[in-house]
């Protein structure tokens, strides 16, 4: 499972199109908070993460994931 977090809907859609073309299963989020409320970080296989997110940024998310 590939999890994609990007607040730019056009960038996110581009990655979704690419992942669809490869047949990879994926789930997309527009912000880190939605990801955290839906997914257990310890169950994440692959994370494609925008570091410059609005709200909780990518570095803050990674730090929070490391503490789990």
PDB file of N, CA and C in Angstrom:
ATOM      1  N   UNK A   1       0.843  -1.176   0.000  1.00  0.00           N
ATOM      2  CA  UNK A   1       0.000   0.000   0.000  1.00  0.00           C
ATOM      3  C   UNK A   1       0.889   1.239   0.000  1.00  0.00           C
ATOM      4  N   UNK A   2       0.596   2.145  -0.909  1.00  0.00           N
ATOM      5  CA  UNK A   2       1.304   3.419  -0.981  1.00  0.00           C
ATOM      6  C   UNK A   2       0.375   4.497  -0.437  1.00  0.00           C
ATOM      7  N   UNK A   3       0.863   5.259   0.526  1.00  0.00           N
ATOM      8  CA  UNK A   3       0.110   6.392   1.048  1.00  0.00           C
ATOM      9  C   UNK A   3       0.740   7.663   0.506  1.00  0.00           C
ATOM     10  N   UNK A   4      -0.095   8.541  -0.006  1.00  0.00           N
ATOM     11  CA  UNK A   4       0.345   9.782  -0.620  1.00  0.00           C
ATOM     12  C   UNK A   4      -0.252  10.948   0.152  1.00  0.00           C
ATOM     13  N   UNK A   5       0.609  11.874   0.602  1.00  0.00           N
ATOM     14  CA  UNK A   5       0.136  13.053   1.322  1.00  0.00           C
ATOM     15  C   UNK A   5       0.697  14.282   0.622  1.00  0.00           C
ATOM     16  N   UNK A   6      -0.205  15.060   0.031  1.00  0.00           N
ATOM     17  CA  UNK A   6       0.179  16.296  -0.651  1.00  0.00           C
ATOM     18  C   UNK A   6      -1.010  17.237  -0.636  1.00  0.00           C
ATOM     19  N   UNK A   7      -0.780  18.486  -0.211  1.00  0.00           N
ATOM     20  CA  UNK A   7      -1.884  19.443  -0.150  1.00  0.00           C
ATOM     21  C   UNK A   7      -2.172  20.117  -1.486  1.00  0.00           C
ATOM     22  N   UNK A   8      -1.336  19.896  -2.474  1.00  0.00           N
ATOM     23  CA  UNK A   8      -1.578  20.424  -3.820  1.00  0.00           C
ATOM     24  C   UNK A   8      -2.371  19.376  -4.603  1.00  0.00           C
ATOM     25  N   UNK A   9      -3.646  19.670  -4.871  1.00  0.00           N
ATOM     26  CA  UNK A   9      -4.511  18.656  -5.486  1.00  0.00           C
ATOM     27  C   UNK A   9      -4.040  18.250  -6.880  1.00  0.00           C
ATOM     28  N   UNK A  10      -3.366  19.141  -7.613  1.00  0.00           N
ATOM     29  CA  UNK A  10      -2.881  18.791  -8.949  1.00  0.00           C
ATOM     30  C   UNK A  10      -1.678  17.851  -8.871  1.00  0.00           C
ATOM     31  N   UNK A  11      -0.777  18.125  -7.942  1.00  0.00           N
ATOM     32  CA  UNK A  11       0.362  17.219  -7.727  1.00  0.00           C
ATOM     33  C   UNK A  11      -0.140  15.855  -7.263  1.00  0.00           C
ATOM     34  N   UNK A  12      -1.068  15.872  -6.305  1.00  0.00           N
ATOM     35  CA  UNK A  12      -1.623  14.626  -5.774  1.00  0.00           C
ATOM     36  C   UNK A  12      -2.281  13.827  -6.886  1.00  0.00           C
ATOM     37  N   UNK A  13      -3.047  14.490  -7.727  1.00  0.00           N
ATOM     38  CA  UNK A  13      -3.733  13.800  -8.828  1.00  0.00           C
ATOM     39  C   UNK A  13      -2.727  13.196  -9.811  1.00  0.00           C
ATOM     40  N   UNK A  14      -1.634  13.913 -10.068  1.00  0.00           N
ATOM     41  CA  UNK A  14      -0.591  13.384 -10.949  1.00  0.00           C
ATOM     42  C   UNK A  14       0.012  12.097 -10.402  1.00  0.00           C
ATOM     43  N   UNK A  15       0.301  12.082  -9.107  1.00  0.00           N
ATOM     44  CA  UNK A  15       0.816  10.859  -8.485  1.00  0.00           C
ATOM     45  C   UNK A  15      -0.223   9.746  -8.531  1.00  0.00           C
ATOM     46  N   UNK A  16      -1.496  10.085  -8.308  1.00  0.00           N
ATOM     47  CA  UNK A  16      -2.559   9.075  -8.361  1.00  0.00           C
ATOM     48  C   UNK A  16      -2.645   8.449  -9.747  1.00  0.00           C
ATOM     49  N   UNK A  17      -2.545   9.271 -10.781  1.00  0.00           N
ATOM     50  CA  UNK A  17      -2.578   8.751 -12.159  1.00  0.00           C
ATOM     51  C   UNK A  17      -1.402   7.808 -12.389  1.00  0.00           C
ATOM     52  N   UNK A  18      -0.217   8.223 -11.941  1.00  0.00           N
ATOM     53  CA  UNK A  18       0.958   7.365 -12.078  1.00  0.00           C
ATOM     54  C   UNK A  18       0.773   6.040 -11.338  1.00  0.00           C
ATOM     55  N   UNK A  19       0.338   6.105 -10.078  1.00  0.00           N
ATOM     56  CA  UNK A  19       0.168   4.887  -9.288  1.00  0.00           C
ATOM     57  C   UNK A  19      -0.907   3.986  -9.894  1.00  0.00           C
ATOM     58  N   UNK A  20      -1.977   4.572 -10.420  1.00  0.00           N
ATOM     59  CA  UNK A  20      -3.002   3.776 -11.114  1.00  0.00           C
ATOM     60  C   UNK A  20      -2.401   3.048 -12.307  1.00  0.00           C
ATOM     61  N   UNK A  21      -1.520   3.720 -13.039  1.00  0.00           N
ATOM     62  CA  UNK A  21      -0.928   3.108 -14.237  1.00  0.00           C
ATOM     63  C   UNK A  21      -0.018   1.936 -13.893  1.00  0.00           C
ATOM     64  N   UNK A  22       0.522   1.916 -12.669  1.00  0.00           N
ATOM     65  CA  UNK A  22       1.404   0.818 -12.260  1.00  0.00           C
ATOM     66  C   UNK A  22       0.624  -0.317 -11.602  1.00  0.00           C
ATOM     67  N   UNK A  23      -0.652  -0.047 -11.291  1.00  0.00           N
ATOM     68  CA  UNK A  23      -1.465  -1.064 -10.620  1.00  0.00           C
ATOM     69  C   UNK A  23      -1.230  -1.131  -9.120  1.00  0.00           C
ATOM     70  N   UNK A  24      -0.481  -0.184  -8.589  1.00  0.00           N
ATOM     71  CA  UNK A  24      -0.193  -0.188  -7.157  1.00  0.00           C
ATOM     72  C   UNK A  24      -1.408   0.312  -6.381  1.00  0.00           C
ATOM     73  N   UNK A  25      -1.698  -0.355  -5.282  1.00  0.00           N
ATOM     74  CA  UNK A  25      -2.784   0.075  -4.409  1.00  0.00           C
ATOM     75  C   UNK A  25      -2.321   1.312  -3.643  1.00  0.00           C
ATOM     76  N   UNK A  26      -3.187   2.318  -3.564  1.00  0.00           N
ATOM     77  CA  UNK A  26      -2.796   3.556  -2.904  1.00  0.00           C
ATOM     78  C   UNK A  26      -3.994   4.261  -2.282  1.00  0.00           C
ATOM     79  N   UNK A  27      -3.674   5.160  -1.366  1.00  0.00           N
ATOM     80  CA  UNK A  27      -4.673   6.011  -0.734  1.00  0.00           C
ATOM     81  C   UNK A  27      -4.036   7.382  -0.567  1.00  0.00           C
ATOM     82  N   UNK A  28      -4.806   8.422  -0.899  1.00  0.00           N
ATOM     83  CA  UNK A  28      -4.276   9.787  -0.898  1.00  0.00           C
ATOM     84  C   UNK A  28      -4.939  10.645   0.167  1.00  0.00           C
ATOM     85  N   UNK A  29      -4.152  11.600   0.664  1.00  0.00           N
ATOM     86  CA  UNK A  29      -4.630  12.540   1.671  1.00  0.00           C
ATOM     87  C   UNK A  29      -4.141  13.935   1.326  1.00  0.00           C
ATOM     88  N   UNK A  30      -4.951  14.935   1.652  1.00  0.00           N
ATOM     89  CA  UNK A  30      -4.590  16.324   1.404  1.00  0.00           C
ATOM     90  C   UNK A  30      -3.823  16.968   2.531  1.00  0.00           C
ATOM     91  N   UNK A  31      -3.734  16.283   3.677  1.00  0.00           N
ATOM     92  CA  UNK A  31      -2.970  16.821   4.804  1.00  0.00           C
ATOM     93  C   UNK A  31      -2.576  15.697   5.753  1.00  0.00           C
ATOM     94  N   UNK A  32      -1.626  16.002   6.615  1.00  0.00           N
ATOM     95  CA  UNK A  32      -1.088  15.008   7.548  1.00  0.00           C
ATOM     96  C   UNK A  32      -2.118  14.584   8.582  1.00  0.00           C
ATOM     97  N   UNK A  33      -2.954  15.531   9.001  1.00  0.00           N
ATOM     98  CA  UNK A  33      -3.942  15.237  10.028  1.00  0.00           C
ATOM     99  C   UNK A  33      -4.953  14.185   9.552  1.00  0.00           C
ATOM    100  N   UNK A  34      -5.399  14.287   8.310  1.00  0.00           N
ATOM    101  CA  UNK A  34      -6.330  13.285   7.770  1.00  0.00           C
ATOM    102  C   UNK A  34      -5.670  11.908   7.698  1.00  0.00           C
ATOM    103  N   UNK A  35      -4.407  11.884   7.297  1.00  0.00           N
ATOM    104  CA  UNK A  35      -3.653  10.631   7.251  1.00  0.00           C
ATOM    105  C   UNK A  35      -3.605  10.002   8.646  1.00  0.00           C
ATOM    106  N   UNK A  36      -3.233  10.804   9.664  1.00  0.00           N
ATOM    107  CA  UNK A  36      -3.107  10.276  11.024  1.00  0.00           C
ATOM    108  C   UNK A  36      -4.439   9.817  11.605  1.00  0.00           C
ATOM    109  N   UNK A  37      -5.528  10.445  11.201  1.00  0.00           N
ATOM    110  CA  UNK A  37      -6.832  10.048  11.735  1.00  0.00           C
ATOM    111  C   UNK A  37      -7.381   8.800  11.044  1.00  0.00           C
ATOM    112  N   UNK A  38      -6.749   8.389   9.946  1.00  0.00           N
ATOM    113  CA  UNK A  38      -7.237   7.252   9.167  1.00  0.00           C
ATOM    114  C   UNK A  38      -6.318   6.042   9.225  1.00  0.00           C
ATOM    115  N   UNK A  39      -5.012   6.282   9.250  1.00  0.00           N
ATOM    116  CA  UNK A  39      -4.014   5.213   9.098  1.00  0.00           C
ATOM    117  C   UNK A  39      -3.164   5.111  10.362  1.00  0.00           C
ATOM    118  N   UNK A  40      -2.857   3.890  10.758  1.00  0.00           N
ATOM    119  CA  UNK A  40      -1.897   3.682  11.842  1.00  0.00           C
ATOM    120  C   UNK A  40      -0.503   3.809  11.223  1.00  0.00           C
ATOM    121  N   UNK A  41       0.280   4.789  11.650  1.00  0.00           N
ATOM    122  CA  UNK A  41       1.596   4.996  11.029  1.00  0.00           C
ATOM    123  C   UNK A  41       2.475   3.747  10.992  1.00  0.00           C
ATOM    124  N   UNK A  42       2.357   2.904  12.017  1.00  0.00           N
ATOM    125  CA  UNK A  42       3.205   1.701  12.042  1.00  0.00           C
ATOM    126  C   UNK A  42       2.812   0.686  10.969  1.00  0.00           C
ATOM    127  N   UNK A  43       1.641   0.858  10.354  1.00  0.00           N
ATOM    128  CA  UNK A  43       1.208  -0.064   9.296  1.00  0.00           C
ATOM    129  C   UNK A  43       1.522   0.469   7.899  1.00  0.00           C
ATOM    130  N   UNK A  44       2.226   1.592   7.815  1.00  0.00           N
ATOM    131  CA  UNK A  44       2.538   2.212   6.528  1.00  0.00           C
ATOM    132  C   UNK A  44       3.712   1.500   5.874  1.00  0.00           C
ATOM    133  N   UNK A  45       3.481   1.049   4.628  1.00  0.00           N
ATOM    134  CA  UNK A  45       4.541   0.402   3.857  1.00  0.00           C
ATOM    135  C   UNK A  45       5.369   1.439   3.106  1.00  0.00           C
ATOM    136  N   UNK A  46       4.688   2.262   2.315  1.00  0.00           N
ATOM    137  CA  UNK A  46       5.360   3.287   1.513  1.00  0.00           C
ATOM    138  C   UNK A  46       4.617   4.602   1.708  1.00  0.00           C
ATOM    139  N   UNK A  47       5.377   5.671   1.943  1.00  0.00           N
ATOM    140  CA  UNK A  47       4.790   6.992   2.147  1.00  0.00           C
ATOM    141  C   UNK A  47       5.439   7.971   1.183  1.00  0.00           C
ATOM    142  N   UNK A  48       4.634   8.600   0.346  1.00  0.00           N
ATOM    143  CA  UNK A  48       5.093   9.689  -0.516  1.00  0.00           C
ATOM    144  C   UNK A  48       4.571  10.948   0.145  1.00  0.00           C
ATOM    145  N   UNK A  49       5.476  11.798   0.611  1.00  0.00           N
ATOM    146  CA  UNK A  49       5.118  12.884   1.509  1.00  0.00           C
ATOM    147  C   UNK A  49       5.661  14.218   1.037  1.00  0.00           C
ATOM    148  N   UNK A  50       4.780  15.194   0.932  1.00  0.00           N
ATOM    149  CA  UNK A  50       5.177  16.578   0.682  1.00  0.00           C
ATOM    150  C   UNK A  50       5.680  17.151   2.006  1.00  0.00           C
ATOM    151  N   UNK A  51       6.888  17.666   2.039  1.00  0.00           N
ATOM    152  CA  UNK A  51       7.437  18.206   3.274  1.00  0.00           C
ATOM    153  C   UNK A  51       6.860  19.577   3.619  1.00  0.00           C
ATOM    154  N   UNK A  52       6.346  20.295   2.627  1.00  0.00           N
ATOM    155  CA  UNK A  52       5.842  21.653   2.829  1.00  0.00           C
ATOM    156  C   UNK A  52       4.318  21.675   2.851  1.00  0.00           C
ATOM    157  N   UNK A  53       3.738  20.890   3.738  1.00  0.00           N
ATOM    158  CA  UNK A  53       2.280  20.840   3.880  1.00  0.00           C
ATOM    159  C   UNK A  53       1.809  22.023   4.721  1.00  0.00           C
ATOM    160  N   UNK A  54       0.569  22.439   4.468  1.00  0.00           N
ATOM    161  CA  UNK A  54      -0.030  23.417   5.375  1.00  0.00           C
ATOM    162  C   UNK A  54      -0.505  22.658   6.612  1.00  0.00           C
ATOM    163  N   UNK A  55      -0.600  23.330   7.737  1.00  0.00           N
ATOM    164  CA  UNK A  55      -0.908  22.628   8.985  1.00  0.00           C
ATOM    165  C   UNK A  55       0.347  21.908   9.451  1.00  0.00           C
ATOM    166  N   UNK A  56       0.195  20.658   9.850  1.00  0.00           N
ATOM    167  CA  UNK A  56       1.359  19.855  10.243  1.00  0.00           C
ATOM    168  C   UNK A  56       2.199  19.607   8.996  1.00  0.00           C
ATOM    169  N   UNK A  57       3.471  20.035   9.016  1.00  0.00           N
ATOM    170  CA  UNK A  57       4.296  19.818   7.834  1.00  0.00           C
ATOM    171  C   UNK A  57       4.866  18.392   7.822  1.00  0.00           C
ATOM    172  N   UNK A  58       5.506  18.037   6.719  1.00  0.00           N
ATOM    173  CA  UNK A  58       6.008  16.683   6.549  1.00  0.00           C
ATOM    174  C   UNK A  58       7.032  16.263   7.581  1.00  0.00           C
ATOM    175  N   UNK A  59       7.919  17.176   7.973  1.00  0.00           N
ATOM    176  CA  UNK A  59       8.936  16.850   8.988  1.00  0.00           C
ATOM    177  C   UNK A  59       8.280  16.576  10.334  1.00  0.00           C
ATOM    178  N   UNK A  60       7.277  17.367  10.686  1.00  0.00           N
ATOM    179  CA  UNK A  60       6.562  17.140  11.940  1.00  0.00           C
ATOM    180  C   UNK A  60       5.857  15.784  11.926  1.00  0.00           C
ATOM    181  N   UNK A  61       5.279  15.442  10.793  1.00  0.00           N
ATOM    182  CA  UNK A  61       4.620  14.139  10.668  1.00  0.00           C
ATOM    183  C   UNK A  61       5.634  13.008  10.846  1.00  0.00           C
ATOM    184  N   UNK A  62       6.773  13.112  10.186  1.00  0.00           N
ATOM    185  CA  UNK A  62       7.797  12.061  10.308  1.00  0.00           C
ATOM    186  C   UNK A  62       8.266  11.921  11.749  1.00  0.00           C
ATOM    187  N   UNK A  63       8.460  13.038  12.453  1.00  0.00           N
ATOM    188  CA  UNK A  63       8.862  12.984  13.856  1.00  0.00           C
ATOM    189  C   UNK A  63       7.796  12.311  14.700  1.00  0.00           C
ATOM    190  N   UNK A  64       6.545  12.599  14.435  1.00  0.00           N
ATOM    191  CA  UNK A  64       5.463  11.964  15.179  1.00  0.00           C
ATOM    192  C   UNK A  64       5.405  10.466  14.878  1.00  0.00           C
ATOM    193  N   UNK A  65       5.644  10.096  13.623  1.00  0.00           N
ATOM    194  CA  UNK A  65       5.626   8.683  13.257  1.00  0.00           C
ATOM    195  C   UNK A  65       6.761   7.923  13.940  1.00  0.00           C
ATOM    196  N   UNK A  66       7.922   8.549  14.093  1.00  0.00           N
ATOM    197  CA  UNK A  66       9.055   7.895  14.742  1.00  0.00           C
ATOM    198  C   UNK A  66       8.798   7.633  16.205  1.00  0.00           C
ATOM    199  N   UNK A  67       7.947   8.444  16.844  1.00  0.00           N
ATOM    200  CA  UNK A  67       7.688   8.283  18.272  1.00  0.00           C
ATOM    201  C   UNK A  67       6.635   7.214  18.564  1.00  0.00           C
ATOM    202  N   UNK A  68       6.018   6.659  17.522  1.00  0.00           N
ATOM    203  CA  UNK A  68       4.983   5.618  17.721  1.00  0.00           C
ATOM    204  C   UNK A  68       5.626   4.268  17.874  1.00  0.00           C
TER     205      UNK A  68
END
